[in-house]
Amino acid sequence: MLQVLTITDFALIDHLELSLEPGFNVLTGETGAGKSIIVDA
């Protein structure tokens, strides 16, 4: 299972580290917030 997602120097993201918990994790945000960029990475 994916526990931590780290993205560095991708599109508009300099550095991001997401800790994912067991179960169902959801990315939410307004249009243009970068949700698709995280998924594409």
N, C-alpha and C. Protein backbone atom coordinates (compact mmCIF):
# COMPACT_ATOMS: atom_id res chain seq x y z
N MET A 1 0.84 -1.17 0.00
CA MET A 1 0.00 0.00 0.00
C MET A 1 0.89 1.25 0.00
N LEU A 2 0.47 2.25 -0.73
CA LEU A 2 1.19 3.53 -0.78
C LEU A 2 0.98 4.27 0.54
N GLN A 3 2.08 4.61 1.22
CA GLN A 3 1.98 5.28 2.51
C GLN A 3 2.42 6.74 2.44
N VAL A 4 3.42 7.03 1.60
CA VAL A 4 3.92 8.40 1.46
C VAL A 4 4.15 8.67 -0.02
N LEU A 5 3.71 9.83 -0.48
CA LEU A 5 3.94 10.27 -1.85
C LEU A 5 4.80 11.52 -1.79
N THR A 6 5.97 11.47 -2.42
CA THR A 6 6.88 12.62 -2.45
C THR A 6 7.07 13.04 -3.90
N ILE A 7 6.85 14.33 -4.18
CA ILE A 7 7.02 14.89 -5.53
C ILE A 7 8.00 16.05 -5.41
N THR A 8 9.01 16.06 -6.28
CA THR A 8 10.01 17.13 -6.29
C THR A 8 10.22 17.60 -7.72
N ASP A 9 10.21 18.92 -7.91
CA ASP A 9 10.48 19.55 -9.21
C ASP A 9 9.63 18.98 -10.34
N PHE A 10 8.33 18.96 -10.17
CA PHE A 10 7.40 18.50 -11.21
C PHE A 10 6.37 19.58 -11.45
N ALA A 11 6.31 20.07 -12.70
CA ALA A 11 5.38 21.14 -13.09
C ALA A 11 5.51 22.32 -12.12
N LEU A 12 4.45 22.68 -11.43
CA LEU A 12 4.47 23.82 -10.50
C LEU A 12 4.90 23.45 -9.09
N ILE A 13 5.19 22.17 -8.85
CA ILE A 13 5.49 21.69 -7.50
C ILE A 13 7.00 21.66 -7.27
N ASP A 14 7.48 22.46 -6.32
CA ASP A 14 8.89 22.42 -5.94
C ASP A 14 9.16 21.19 -5.07
N HIS A 15 8.35 21.00 -4.03
CA HIS A 15 8.48 19.83 -3.16
C HIS A 15 7.16 19.61 -2.44
N LEU A 16 6.71 18.37 -2.45
CA LEU A 16 5.46 18.00 -1.77
C LEU A 16 5.63 16.62 -1.17
N GLU A 17 5.20 16.46 0.07
CA GLU A 17 5.19 15.14 0.71
C GLU A 17 3.82 14.92 1.33
N LEU A 18 3.12 13.89 0.87
CA LEU A 18 1.79 13.55 1.37
C LEU A 18 1.86 12.24 2.13
N SER A 19 1.36 12.24 3.35
CA SER A 19 1.23 11.00 4.12
C SER A 19 -0.18 10.48 3.90
N LEU A 20 -0.28 9.23 3.46
CA LEU A 20 -1.58 8.62 3.17
C LEU A 20 -1.90 7.61 4.26
N GLU A 21 -3.11 7.65 4.76
CA GLU A 21 -3.57 6.77 5.82
C GLU A 21 -4.26 5.55 5.22
N PRO A 22 -4.32 4.45 5.95
CA PRO A 22 -5.07 3.28 5.47
C PRO A 22 -6.53 3.65 5.23
N GLY A 23 -7.11 3.08 4.19
CA GLY A 23 -8.50 3.36 3.88
C GLY A 23 -8.61 4.21 2.63
N PHE A 24 -9.54 5.13 2.65
CA PHE A 24 -9.90 5.94 1.48
C PHE A 24 -9.34 7.34 1.65
N ASN A 25 -8.46 7.77 0.71
CA ASN A 25 -7.89 9.11 0.73
C ASN A 25 -8.42 9.89 -0.46
N VAL A 26 -8.77 11.15 -0.25
CA VAL A 26 -9.38 11.98 -1.29
C VAL A 26 -8.60 13.28 -1.42
N LEU A 27 -8.33 13.68 -2.69
CA LEU A 27 -7.75 15.00 -2.97
C LEU A 27 -8.89 15.92 -3.39
N THR A 28 -9.06 17.02 -2.67
CA THR A 28 -10.09 17.99 -3.03
C THR A 28 -9.47 19.37 -3.12
N GLY A 29 -10.10 20.23 -3.88
CA GLY A 29 -9.64 21.61 -4.00
C GLY A 29 -10.36 22.30 -5.13
N GLU A 30 -10.22 23.61 -5.16
CA GLU A 30 -10.87 24.40 -6.20
C GLU A 30 -10.19 24.17 -7.54
N THR A 31 -10.85 24.60 -8.60
CA THR A 31 -10.29 24.52 -9.94
C THR A 31 -8.96 25.27 -9.97
N GLY A 32 -7.94 24.62 -10.54
CA GLY A 32 -6.63 25.25 -10.64
C GLY A 32 -5.75 25.07 -9.41
N ALA A 33 -6.21 24.29 -8.45
CA ALA A 33 -5.44 24.11 -7.21
C ALA A 33 -4.26 23.17 -7.39
N GLY A 34 -4.28 22.31 -8.44
CA GLY A 34 -3.16 21.40 -8.69
C GLY A 34 -3.45 19.93 -8.46
N LYS A 35 -4.71 19.57 -8.30
CA LYS A 35 -5.05 18.16 -8.06
C LYS A 35 -4.59 17.28 -9.21
N SER A 36 -4.84 17.68 -10.43
CA SER A 36 -4.45 16.89 -11.60
C SER A 36 -2.94 16.78 -11.74
N ILE A 37 -2.22 17.82 -11.36
CA ILE A 37 -0.75 17.77 -11.40
C ILE A 37 -0.24 16.69 -10.46
N ILE A 38 -0.82 16.59 -9.27
CA ILE A 38 -0.41 15.56 -8.32
C ILE A 38 -0.68 14.18 -8.88
N VAL A 39 -1.85 13.98 -9.48
CA VAL A 39 -2.20 12.67 -10.05
C VAL A 39 -1.29 12.35 -11.23
N ASP A 40 -0.97 13.32 -12.08
CA ASP A 40 -0.10 13.09 -13.24
C ASP A 40 1.33 12.75 -12.84
N ALA A 41 1.77 13.28 -11.70
CA ALA A 41 3.15 13.03 -11.25
C ALA A 41 3.31 11.56 -10.93
